């Protein structure tokens, strides 16, 4: 199973919204076998090898090291999420 973590500075509002929209996008794209969670920057463990990718806003892109980052320009834009998650899984 793949695991994607929605990440934000505080781990409350915006990462939860991204998690909800990401789950909706995955369903609409018919992508299964993906666990989606959310957390804040201070709680994120970049050494957790169970994580497939991290999705976050461009404001956090340089705040942590992780091999697979999905960077969003607009956290609320489900079409951007669908586009970027679709491209990620095609790689």
PDB file of N, CA and C in Angstrom:
ATOM      1  N   UNK A   1       0.835  -1.176   0.000  1.00  0.00           N
ATOM      2  CA  UNK A   1       0.000   0.000   0.000  1.00  0.00           C
ATOM      3  C   UNK A   1       0.887   1.248   0.000  1.00  0.00           C
ATOM      4  N   UNK A   2       0.490   2.215  -0.798  1.00  0.00           N
ATOM      5  CA  UNK A   2       1.190   3.492  -0.845  1.00  0.00           C
ATOM      6  C   UNK A   2       0.641   4.402   0.243  1.00  0.00           C
ATOM      7  N   UNK A   3       1.487   5.300   0.735  1.00  0.00           N
ATOM      8  CA  UNK A   3       1.067   6.228   1.781  1.00  0.00           C
ATOM      9  C   UNK A   3       1.481   7.641   1.389  1.00  0.00           C
ATOM     10  N   UNK A   4       0.519   8.562   1.408  1.00  0.00           N
ATOM     11  CA  UNK A   4       0.786   9.964   1.113  1.00  0.00           C
ATOM     12  C   UNK A   4       0.418  10.783   2.344  1.00  0.00           C
ATOM     13  N   UNK A   5       1.319  11.658   2.735  1.00  0.00           N
ATOM     14  CA  UNK A   5       1.101  12.504   3.899  1.00  0.00           C
ATOM     15  C   UNK A   5       0.903  13.943   3.440  1.00  0.00           C
ATOM     16  N   UNK A   6      -0.224  14.530   3.841  1.00  0.00           N
ATOM     17  CA  UNK A   6      -0.474  15.954   3.612  1.00  0.00           C
ATOM     18  C   UNK A   6       0.200  16.701   4.756  1.00  0.00           C
ATOM     19  N   UNK A   7       1.015  17.680   4.403  1.00  0.00           N
ATOM     20  CA  UNK A   7       1.838  18.364   5.393  1.00  0.00           C
ATOM     21  C   UNK A   7       1.559  19.855   5.394  1.00  0.00           C
ATOM     22  N   UNK A   8       1.441  20.420   6.601  1.00  0.00           N
ATOM     23  CA  UNK A   8       1.336  21.874   6.728  1.00  0.00           C
ATOM     24  C   UNK A   8       2.095  22.318   7.972  1.00  0.00           C
ATOM     25  N   UNK A   9       2.170  23.591   8.153  1.00  0.00           N
ATOM     26  CA  UNK A   9       2.941  24.137   9.259  1.00  0.00           C
ATOM     27  C   UNK A   9       2.413  23.738  10.625  1.00  0.00           C
ATOM     28  N   UNK A  10       1.110  23.769  10.809  1.00  0.00           N
ATOM     29  CA  UNK A  10       0.513  23.452  12.102  1.00  0.00           C
ATOM     30  C   UNK A  10      -0.146  22.074  12.145  1.00  0.00           C
ATOM     31  N   UNK A  11      -0.468  21.500  10.994  1.00  0.00           N
ATOM     32  CA  UNK A  11      -1.059  20.163  10.967  1.00  0.00           C
ATOM     33  C   UNK A  11      -2.525  20.111  11.297  1.00  0.00           C
ATOM     34  N   UNK A  12      -3.179  21.244  11.246  1.00  0.00           N
ATOM     35  CA  UNK A  12      -4.589  21.270  11.604  1.00  0.00           C
ATOM     36  C   UNK A  12      -5.469  21.545  10.397  1.00  0.00           C
ATOM     37  N   UNK A  13      -5.593  22.790  10.007  1.00  0.00           N
ATOM     38  CA  UNK A  13      -6.550  23.168   8.972  1.00  0.00           C
ATOM     39  C   UNK A  13      -6.180  22.790   7.564  1.00  0.00           C
ATOM     40  N   UNK A  14      -5.112  23.354   7.058  1.00  0.00           N
ATOM     41  CA  UNK A  14      -4.823  23.194   5.628  1.00  0.00           C
ATOM     42  C   UNK A  14      -4.443  21.766   5.259  1.00  0.00           C
ATOM     43  N   UNK A  15      -3.690  21.071   6.108  1.00  0.00           N
ATOM     44  CA  UNK A  15      -3.332  19.691   5.763  1.00  0.00           C
ATOM     45  C   UNK A  15      -4.548  18.782   5.806  1.00  0.00           C
ATOM     46  N   UNK A  16      -5.482  19.069   6.692  1.00  0.00           N
ATOM     47  CA  UNK A  16      -6.717  18.273   6.733  1.00  0.00           C
ATOM     48  C   UNK A  16      -7.546  18.505   5.474  1.00  0.00           C
ATOM     49  N   UNK A  17      -7.626  19.749   5.028  1.00  0.00           N
ATOM     50  CA  UNK A  17      -8.349  20.060   3.791  1.00  0.00           C
ATOM     51  C   UNK A  17      -7.693  19.359   2.605  1.00  0.00           C
ATOM     52  N   UNK A  18      -6.364  19.402   2.542  1.00  0.00           N
ATOM     53  CA  UNK A  18      -5.654  18.715   1.450  1.00  0.00           C
ATOM     54  C   UNK A  18      -5.905  17.217   1.531  1.00  0.00           C
ATOM     55  N   UNK A  19      -5.884  16.646   2.734  1.00  0.00           N
ATOM     56  CA  UNK A  19      -6.155  15.220   2.885  1.00  0.00           C
ATOM     57  C   UNK A  19      -7.536  14.870   2.338  1.00  0.00           C
ATOM     58  N   UNK A  20      -8.544  15.647   2.698  1.00  0.00           N
ATOM     59  CA  UNK A  20      -9.912  15.388   2.233  1.00  0.00           C
ATOM     60  C   UNK A  20      -9.995  15.505   0.713  1.00  0.00           C
ATOM     61  N   UNK A  21      -9.407  16.569   0.157  1.00  0.00           N
ATOM     62  CA  UNK A  21      -9.437  16.758  -1.296  1.00  0.00           C
ATOM     63  C   UNK A  21      -8.625  15.697  -2.020  1.00  0.00           C
ATOM     64  N   UNK A  22      -7.523  15.269  -1.425  1.00  0.00           N
ATOM     65  CA  UNK A  22      -6.707  14.223  -2.040  1.00  0.00           C
ATOM     66  C   UNK A  22      -7.463  12.901  -2.087  1.00  0.00           C
ATOM     67  N   UNK A  23      -8.154  12.575  -1.020  1.00  0.00           N
ATOM     68  CA  UNK A  23      -8.958  11.346  -1.010  1.00  0.00           C
ATOM     69  C   UNK A  23     -10.040  11.405  -2.093  1.00  0.00           C
ATOM     70  N   UNK A  24     -10.668  12.562  -2.236  1.00  0.00           N
ATOM     71  CA  UNK A  24     -11.687  12.734  -3.276  1.00  0.00           C
ATOM     72  C   UNK A  24     -11.064  12.599  -4.660  1.00  0.00           C
ATOM     73  N   UNK A  25      -9.904  13.206  -4.854  1.00  0.00           N
ATOM     74  CA  UNK A  25      -9.215  13.135  -6.152  1.00  0.00           C
ATOM     75  C   UNK A  25      -8.828  11.698  -6.487  1.00  0.00           C
ATOM     76  N   UNK A  26      -8.293  10.981  -5.522  1.00  0.00           N
ATOM     77  CA  UNK A  26      -7.915   9.581  -5.749  1.00  0.00           C
ATOM     78  C   UNK A  26      -9.128   8.742  -6.134  1.00  0.00           C
ATOM     79  N   UNK A  27     -10.255   9.002  -5.474  1.00  0.00           N
ATOM     80  CA  UNK A  27     -11.485   8.274  -5.797  1.00  0.00           C
ATOM     81  C   UNK A  27     -11.939   8.590  -7.222  1.00  0.00           C
ATOM     82  N   UNK A  28     -11.927   9.875  -7.583  1.00  0.00           N
ATOM     83  CA  UNK A  28     -12.348  10.274  -8.923  1.00  0.00           C
ATOM     84  C   UNK A  28     -11.415   9.737 -10.006  1.00  0.00           C
ATOM     85  N   UNK A  29     -10.130   9.606  -9.675  1.00  0.00           N
ATOM     86  CA  UNK A  29      -9.153   9.076 -10.628  1.00  0.00           C
ATOM     87  C   UNK A  29      -9.093   7.556 -10.611  1.00  0.00           C
ATOM     88  N   UNK A  30      -9.878   6.943  -9.719  1.00  0.00           N
ATOM     89  CA  UNK A  30      -9.922   5.488  -9.562  1.00  0.00           C
ATOM     90  C   UNK A  30      -8.543   4.921  -9.230  1.00  0.00           C
ATOM     91  N   UNK A  31      -7.841   5.612  -8.318  1.00  0.00           N
ATOM     92  CA  UNK A  31      -6.548   5.142  -7.830  1.00  0.00           C
ATOM     93  C   UNK A  31      -6.777   4.545  -6.447  1.00  0.00           C
ATOM     94  N   UNK A  32      -6.532   3.255  -6.332  1.00  0.00           N
ATOM     95  CA  UNK A  32      -6.769   2.536  -5.088  1.00  0.00           C
ATOM     96  C   UNK A  32      -5.448   2.267  -4.364  1.00  0.00           C
ATOM     97  N   UNK A  33      -5.568   1.653  -3.222  1.00  0.00           N
ATOM     98  CA  UNK A  33      -4.421   1.184  -2.457  1.00  0.00           C
ATOM     99  C   UNK A  33      -3.504   2.327  -2.010  1.00  0.00           C
ATOM    100  N   UNK A  34      -4.117   3.452  -1.616  1.00  0.00           N
ATOM    101  CA  UNK A  34      -3.359   4.602  -1.128  1.00  0.00           C
ATOM    102  C   UNK A  34      -3.944   5.035   0.207  1.00  0.00           C
ATOM    103  N   UNK A  35      -3.095   5.065   1.219  1.00  0.00           N
ATOM    104  CA  UNK A  35      -3.477   5.595   2.521  1.00  0.00           C
ATOM    105  C   UNK A  35      -3.095   7.068   2.548  1.00  0.00           C
ATOM    106  N   UNK A  36      -4.000   7.921   3.007  1.00  0.00           N
ATOM    107  CA  UNK A  36      -3.744   9.354   3.080  1.00  0.00           C
ATOM    108  C   UNK A  36      -3.899   9.805   4.528  1.00  0.00           C
ATOM    109  N   UNK A  37      -2.889  10.512   5.023  1.00  0.00           N
ATOM    110  CA  UNK A  37      -2.939  11.071   6.367  1.00  0.00           C
ATOM    111  C   UNK A  37      -2.467  12.522   6.307  1.00  0.00           C
ATOM    112  N   UNK A  38      -2.535  13.205   7.434  1.00  0.00           N
ATOM    113  CA  UNK A  38      -2.001  14.563   7.500  1.00  0.00           C
ATOM    114  C   UNK A  38      -1.239  14.757   8.803  1.00  0.00           C
ATOM    115  N   UNK A  39      -0.305  15.688   8.784  1.00  0.00           N
ATOM    116  CA  UNK A  39       0.481  15.996   9.969  1.00  0.00           C
ATOM    117  C   UNK A  39       1.065  17.387   9.832  1.00  0.00           C
ATOM    118  N   UNK A  40       1.766  17.811  10.873  1.00  0.00           N
ATOM    119  CA  UNK A  40       2.430  19.105  10.804  1.00  0.00           C
ATOM    120  C   UNK A  40       3.928  18.922  10.580  1.00  0.00           C
ATOM    121  N   UNK A  41       4.580  19.993  10.248  1.00  0.00           N
ATOM    122  CA  UNK A  41       5.999  19.954   9.906  1.00  0.00           C
ATOM    123  C   UNK A  41       6.846  19.413  11.055  1.00  0.00           C
ATOM    124  N   UNK A  42       6.546  19.807  12.283  1.00  0.00           N
ATOM    125  CA  UNK A  42       7.350  19.361  13.428  1.00  0.00           C
ATOM    126  C   UNK A  42       7.176  17.877  13.736  1.00  0.00           C
ATOM    127  N   UNK A  43       6.042  17.306  13.378  1.00  0.00           N
ATOM    128  CA  UNK A  43       5.786  15.888  13.655  1.00  0.00           C
ATOM    129  C   UNK A  43       6.186  14.976  12.510  1.00  0.00           C
ATOM    130  N   UNK A  44       6.485  15.546  11.355  1.00  0.00           N
ATOM    131  CA  UNK A  44       6.805  14.745  10.176  1.00  0.00           C
ATOM    132  C   UNK A  44       8.153  14.058  10.335  1.00  0.00           C
ATOM    133  N   UNK A  45       8.190  12.771  10.055  1.00  0.00           N
ATOM    134  CA  UNK A  45       9.423  11.981  10.122  1.00  0.00           C
ATOM    135  C   UNK A  45       9.885  11.662   8.704  1.00  0.00           C
ATOM    136  N   UNK A  46      10.880  12.390   8.238  1.00  0.00           N
ATOM    137  CA  UNK A  46      11.368  12.190   6.869  1.00  0.00           C
ATOM    138  C   UNK A  46      12.080  10.855   6.690  1.00  0.00           C
ATOM    139  N   UNK A  47      12.340  10.148   7.774  1.00  0.00           N
ATOM    140  CA  UNK A  47      12.975   8.828   7.696  1.00  0.00           C
ATOM    141  C   UNK A  47      11.968   7.688   7.730  1.00  0.00           C
ATOM    142  N   UNK A  48      10.685   8.009   7.712  1.00  0.00           N
ATOM    143  CA  UNK A  48       9.641   6.987   7.708  1.00  0.00           C
ATOM    144  C   UNK A  48       9.546   6.392   6.298  1.00  0.00           C
ATOM    145  N   UNK A  49      10.071   5.200   6.139  1.00  0.00           N
ATOM    146  CA  UNK A  49      10.125   4.564   4.818  1.00  0.00           C
ATOM    147  C   UNK A  49       8.781   4.025   4.344  1.00  0.00           C
ATOM    148  N   UNK A  50       7.757   4.107   5.180  1.00  0.00           N
ATOM    149  CA  UNK A  50       6.425   3.673   4.749  1.00  0.00           C
ATOM    150  C   UNK A  50       5.733   4.762   3.926  1.00  0.00           C
ATOM    151  N   UNK A  51       6.277   5.982   3.944  1.00  0.00           N
ATOM    152  CA  UNK A  51       5.676   7.096   3.224  1.00  0.00           C
ATOM    153  C   UNK A  51       6.157   7.098   1.769  1.00  0.00           C
ATOM    154  N   UNK A  52       5.210   7.103   0.852  1.00  0.00           N
ATOM    155  CA  UNK A  52       5.511   7.127  -0.576  1.00  0.00           C
ATOM    156  C   UNK A  52       5.786   8.545  -1.049  1.00  0.00           C
ATOM    157  N   UNK A  53       4.968   9.510  -0.575  1.00  0.00           N
ATOM    158  CA  UNK A  53       5.110  10.897  -1.013  1.00  0.00           C
ATOM    159  C   UNK A  53       4.512  11.827   0.030  1.00  0.00           C
ATOM    160  N   UNK A  54       4.949  13.073  -0.053  1.00  0.00           N
ATOM    161  CA  UNK A  54       4.416  14.140   0.788  1.00  0.00           C
ATOM    162  C   UNK A  54       3.791  15.178  -0.128  1.00  0.00           C
ATOM    163  N   UNK A  55       2.614  15.656   0.229  1.00  0.00           N
ATOM    164  CA  UNK A  55       1.952  16.709  -0.537  1.00  0.00           C
ATOM    165  C   UNK A  55       1.821  17.926   0.374  1.00  0.00           C
ATOM    166  N   UNK A  56       2.248  19.081  -0.158  1.00  0.00           N
ATOM    167  CA  UNK A  56       2.229  20.295   0.665  1.00  0.00           C
ATOM    168  C   UNK A  56       2.182  21.527  -0.235  1.00  0.00           C
ATOM    169  N   UNK A  57       2.005  22.666   0.392  1.00  0.00           N
ATOM    170  CA  UNK A  57       2.021  23.927  -0.326  1.00  0.00           C
ATOM    171  C   UNK A  57       3.443  24.360  -0.640  1.00  0.00           C
ATOM    172  N   UNK A  58       3.567  25.235  -1.620  1.00  0.00           N
ATOM    173  CA  UNK A  58       4.896  25.685  -2.039  1.00  0.00           C
ATOM    174  C   UNK A  58       5.627  26.425  -0.933  1.00  0.00           C
ATOM    175  N   UNK A  59       4.888  26.958   0.050  1.00  0.00           N
ATOM    176  CA  UNK A  59       5.526  27.657   1.162  1.00  0.00           C
ATOM    177  C   UNK A  59       6.372  26.734   2.036  1.00  0.00           C
ATOM    178  N   UNK A  60       6.083  25.430   2.029  1.00  0.00           N
ATOM    179  CA  UNK A  60       6.834  24.463   2.836  1.00  0.00           C
ATOM    180  C   UNK A  60       7.820  23.632   2.019  1.00  0.00           C
ATOM    181  N   UNK A  61       7.842  23.805   0.736  1.00  0.00           N
ATOM    182  CA  UNK A  61       8.630  22.938  -0.144  1.00  0.00           C
ATOM    183  C   UNK A  61      10.104  22.844   0.248  1.00  0.00           C
ATOM    184  N   UNK A  62      10.676  23.926   0.737  1.00  0.00           N
ATOM    185  CA  UNK A  62      12.096  23.925   1.100  1.00  0.00           C
ATOM    186  C   UNK A  62      12.319  23.733   2.591  1.00  0.00           C
ATOM    187  N   UNK A  63      11.277  23.424   3.340  1.00  0.00           N
ATOM    188  CA  UNK A  63      11.375  23.311   4.794  1.00  0.00           C
ATOM    189  C   UNK A  63      11.729  21.915   5.286  1.00  0.00           C
ATOM    190  N   UNK A  64      11.749  20.935   4.392  1.00  0.00           N
ATOM    191  CA  UNK A  64      12.046  19.566   4.796  1.00  0.00           C
ATOM    192  C   UNK A  64      12.650  18.805   3.624  1.00  0.00           C
ATOM    193  N   UNK A  65      13.392  17.754   3.953  1.00  0.00           N
ATOM    194  CA  UNK A  65      13.985  16.891   2.935  1.00  0.00           C
ATOM    195  C   UNK A  65      13.146  15.629   2.808  1.00  0.00           C
ATOM    196  N   UNK A  66      12.771  15.316   1.586  1.00  0.00           N
ATOM    197  CA  UNK A  66      12.075  14.071   1.296  1.00  0.00           C
ATOM    198  C   UNK A  66      12.168  13.843  -0.200  1.00  0.00           C
ATOM    199  N   UNK A  67      12.365  12.612  -0.602  1.00  0.00           N
ATOM    200  CA  UNK A  67      12.597  12.306  -2.015  1.00  0.00           C
ATOM    201  C   UNK A  67      11.415  12.655  -2.911  1.00  0.00           C
ATOM    202  N   UNK A  68      10.218  12.307  -2.494  1.00  0.00           N
ATOM    203  CA  UNK A  68       9.045  12.498  -3.350  1.00  0.00           C
ATOM    204  C   UNK A  68       8.103  13.529  -2.749  1.00  0.00           C
ATOM    205  N   UNK A  69       8.159  14.742  -3.297  1.00  0.00           N
ATOM    206  CA  UNK A  69       7.295  15.831  -2.853  1.00  0.00           C
ATOM    207  C   UNK A  69       6.329  16.191  -3.976  1.00  0.00           C
ATOM    208  N   UNK A  70       5.085  16.395  -3.622  1.00  0.00           N
ATOM    209  CA  UNK A  70       4.079  16.910  -4.544  1.00  0.00           C
ATOM    210  C   UNK A  70       3.754  18.304  -4.034  1.00  0.00           C
ATOM    211  N   UNK A  71       4.162  19.319  -4.780  1.00  0.00           N
ATOM    212  CA  UNK A  71       4.058  20.698  -4.336  1.00  0.00           C
ATOM    213  C   UNK A  71       2.841  21.358  -4.989  1.00  0.00           C
ATOM    214  N   UNK A  72       2.001  21.952  -4.156  1.00  0.00           N
ATOM    215  CA  UNK A  72       0.789  22.613  -4.639  1.00  0.00           C
ATOM    216  C   UNK A  72       0.950  24.128  -4.606  1.00  0.00           C
ATOM    217  N   UNK A  73       0.483  24.784  -5.644  1.00  0.00           N
ATOM    218  CA  UNK A  73       0.432  26.240  -5.668  1.00  0.00           C
ATOM    219  C   UNK A  73      -0.791  26.743  -4.917  1.00  0.00           C
ATOM    220  N   UNK A  74      -1.887  25.978  -4.980  1.00  0.00           N
ATOM    221  CA  UNK A  74      -3.138  26.350  -4.324  1.00  0.00           C
ATOM    222  C   UNK A  74      -3.675  25.120  -3.594  1.00  0.00           C
ATOM    223  N   UNK A  75      -3.623  25.152  -2.274  1.00  0.00           N
ATOM    224  CA  UNK A  75      -4.037  23.999  -1.469  1.00  0.00           C
ATOM    225  C   UNK A  75      -5.503  23.631  -1.648  1.00  0.00           C
ATOM    226  N   UNK A  76      -6.320  24.571  -2.089  1.00  0.00           N
ATOM    227  CA  UNK A  76      -7.754  24.328  -2.206  1.00  0.00           C
ATOM    228  C   UNK A  76      -8.199  23.891  -3.600  1.00  0.00           C
ATOM    229  N   UNK A  77      -7.292  23.892  -4.547  1.00  0.00           N
ATOM    230  CA  UNK A  77      -7.627  23.596  -5.944  1.00  0.00           C
ATOM    231  C   UNK A  77      -7.589  22.086  -6.196  1.00  0.00           C
ATOM    232  N   UNK A  78      -8.761  21.461  -6.174  1.00  0.00           N
ATOM    233  CA  UNK A  78      -8.818  20.005  -6.366  1.00  0.00           C
ATOM    234  C   UNK A  78      -8.353  19.599  -7.761  1.00  0.00           C
ATOM    235  N   UNK A  79      -8.539  20.465  -8.750  1.00  0.00           N
ATOM    236  CA  UNK A  79      -8.060  20.136 -10.093  1.00  0.00           C
ATOM    237  C   UNK A  79      -6.538  20.077 -10.136  1.00  0.00           C
ATOM    238  N   UNK A  80      -5.868  20.959  -9.401  1.00  0.00           N
ATOM    239  CA  UNK A  80      -4.410  20.895  -9.328  1.00  0.00           C
ATOM    240  C   UNK A  80      -3.973  19.621  -8.616  1.00  0.00           C
ATOM    241  N   UNK A  81      -4.676  19.272  -7.546  1.00  0.00           N
ATOM    242  CA  UNK A  81      -4.359  18.035  -6.830  1.00  0.00           C
ATOM    243  C   UNK A  81      -4.526  16.834  -7.754  1.00  0.00           C
ATOM    244  N   UNK A  82      -5.639  16.782  -8.480  1.00  0.00           N
ATOM    245  CA  UNK A  82      -5.877  15.665  -9.400  1.00  0.00           C
ATOM    246  C   UNK A  82      -4.797  15.586 -10.470  1.00  0.00           C
ATOM    247  N   UNK A  83      -4.443  16.719 -11.024  1.00  0.00           N
ATOM    248  CA  UNK A  83      -3.426  16.758 -12.066  1.00  0.00           C
ATOM    249  C   UNK A  83      -2.073  16.279 -11.546  1.00  0.00           C
ATOM    250  N   UNK A  84      -1.673  16.779 -10.398  1.00  0.00           N
ATOM    251  CA  UNK A  84      -0.346  16.437  -9.868  1.00  0.00           C
ATOM    252  C   UNK A  84      -0.293  15.026  -9.327  1.00  0.00           C
ATOM    253  N   UNK A  85      -1.363  14.536  -8.718  1.00  0.00           N
ATOM    254  CA  UNK A  85      -1.356  13.164  -8.217  1.00  0.00           C
ATOM    255  C   UNK A  85      -1.405  12.179  -9.372  1.00  0.00           C
ATOM    256  N   UNK A  86      -2.138  12.512 -10.418  1.00  0.00           N
ATOM    257  CA  UNK A  86      -2.176  11.663 -11.609  1.00  0.00           C
ATOM    258  C   UNK A  86      -0.784  11.579 -12.238  1.00  0.00           C
ATOM    259  N   UNK A  87      -0.124  12.705 -12.379  1.00  0.00           N
ATOM    260  CA  UNK A  87       1.240  12.723 -12.945  1.00  0.00           C
ATOM    261  C   UNK A  87       2.197  11.953 -12.058  1.00  0.00           C
ATOM    262  N   UNK A  88       2.058  12.077 -10.755  1.00  0.00           N
ATOM    263  CA  UNK A  88       2.948  11.362  -9.827  1.00  0.00           C
ATOM    264  C   UNK A  88       2.829   9.861 -10.009  1.00  0.00           C
ATOM    265  N   UNK A  89       1.619   9.348 -10.111  1.00  0.00           N
ATOM    266  CA  UNK A  89       1.442   7.923 -10.227  1.00  0.00           C
ATOM    267  C   UNK A  89       1.773   7.381 -11.622  1.00  0.00           C
ATOM    268  N   UNK A  90       1.881   8.258 -12.609  1.00  0.00           N
ATOM    269  CA  UNK A  90       2.302   7.829 -13.942  1.00  0.00           C
ATOM    270  C   UNK A  90       3.820   7.674 -14.033  1.00  0.00           C
ATOM    271  N   UNK A  91       4.542   8.311 -13.100  1.00  0.00           N
ATOM    272  CA  UNK A  91       6.019   8.247 -13.107  1.00  0.00           C
ATOM    273  C   UNK A  91       6.502   6.865 -12.754  1.00  0.00           C
TER     274      UNK A  91
END
